[in-house]
């Protein structure tokens, strides 16, 4: 049985070198992941842009048809 005051494990102190090593490792993993995702992200971005442009064109075209005036020209 352990009492409140007893410490079962002694945790080692974290040094600056430990932190730098871990942050460097994380940074390297993020760089690799970012490079791997870049082509996919570009394709998704271009696809979304095309969809937005087509949608804007169609909505503008519809709006123009609703507001257009028909002019009848008659010859005498």
Protein backbone atom coordinates (compact mmCIF):
# COMPACT_ATOMS: atom_id res chain seq x y z
CA UNK A 1 0.00 0.00 0.00
CA UNK A 2 1.26 3.44 -0.78
CA UNK A 3 0.71 6.59 1.15
CA UNK A 4 -0.01 10.00 -0.34
CA UNK A 5 3.44 11.31 0.42
CA UNK A 6 5.32 8.41 -1.26
CA UNK A 7 6.45 8.80 -4.85
CA UNK A 8 6.53 5.50 -6.68
CA UNK A 9 8.27 6.85 -9.77
CA UNK A 10 10.80 9.58 -10.16
CA UNK A 11 10.34 11.40 -13.46
CA UNK A 12 13.53 12.44 -15.23
CA UNK A 13 14.08 16.10 -15.90
CA UNK A 14 13.40 17.29 -19.43
CA UNK A 15 16.34 19.15 -20.85
CA UNK A 16 16.55 21.71 -23.60
CA UNK A 17 18.26 19.14 -25.84
CA UNK A 18 15.33 16.74 -25.37
CA UNK A 19 12.86 19.42 -26.42
CA UNK A 20 14.92 20.47 -29.44
CA UNK A 21 15.32 16.87 -30.60
CA UNK A 22 11.58 16.19 -30.35
CA UNK A 23 10.60 19.45 -32.08
CA UNK A 24 13.08 18.74 -34.89
CA UNK A 25 11.57 15.28 -35.31
CA UNK A 26 8.03 16.70 -35.46
CA UNK A 27 9.11 19.38 -37.94
CA UNK A 28 10.66 16.77 -40.24
CA UNK A 29 7.46 14.69 -40.19
CA UNK A 30 5.31 17.72 -40.97
CA UNK A 31 7.55 18.71 -43.87
CA UNK A 32 7.29 15.23 -45.38
CA UNK A 33 3.52 15.18 -44.95
CA UNK A 34 3.14 18.65 -46.43
CA UNK A 35 5.12 17.72 -49.54
CA UNK A 36 3.07 14.56 -50.00
CA UNK A 37 -0.27 16.39 -49.72
CA UNK A 38 0.62 19.36 -51.95
CA UNK A 39 -0.44 17.84 -55.34
CA UNK A 40 -3.75 16.62 -53.92
CA UNK A 41 -4.49 20.00 -52.36
CA UNK A 42 -3.73 21.75 -55.66
CA UNK A 43 -6.13 19.45 -57.53
CA UNK A 44 -8.89 20.03 -54.99
CA UNK A 45 -8.33 23.81 -55.07
CA UNK A 46 -8.44 23.95 -58.88
CA UNK A 47 -11.57 21.77 -58.95
CA UNK A 48 -13.32 24.01 -56.43
CA UNK A 49 -12.36 27.11 -58.42
CA UNK A 50 -13.78 25.63 -61.63
CA UNK A 51 -17.05 24.72 -59.89
CA UNK A 52 -17.37 28.24 -58.44
CA UNK A 53 -16.71 29.85 -61.84
CA UNK A 54 -19.29 27.64 -63.59
CA UNK A 55 -21.84 28.33 -60.87
CA UNK A 56 -21.26 32.10 -61.08
CA UNK A 57 -21.59 31.97 -64.88
CA UNK A 58 -24.85 30.04 -64.77
CA UNK A 59 -26.37 32.21 -62.05
CA UNK A 60 -25.37 35.39 -63.90
CA UNK A 61 -26.76 34.04 -67.14
CA UNK A 62 -30.07 33.21 -65.51
CA UNK A 63 -30.23 36.62 -63.87
CA UNK A 64 -29.55 38.28 -67.25
CA UNK A 65 -32.33 36.33 -68.93
CA UNK A 66 -34.82 37.36 -66.29
CA UNK A 67 -33.99 41.06 -66.62
CA UNK A 68 -33.57 41.28 -70.40
CA UNK A 69 -36.00 43.44 -72.29
CA UNK A 70 -37.49 42.30 -75.57
CA UNK A 71 -37.59 45.06 -78.17
CA UNK A 72 -39.81 44.58 -81.18
CA UNK A 73 -38.88 46.42 -84.32
CA UNK A 74 -41.58 46.95 -86.94
CA UNK A 75 -41.14 48.18 -90.45
CA UNK A 76 -43.66 50.64 -91.80
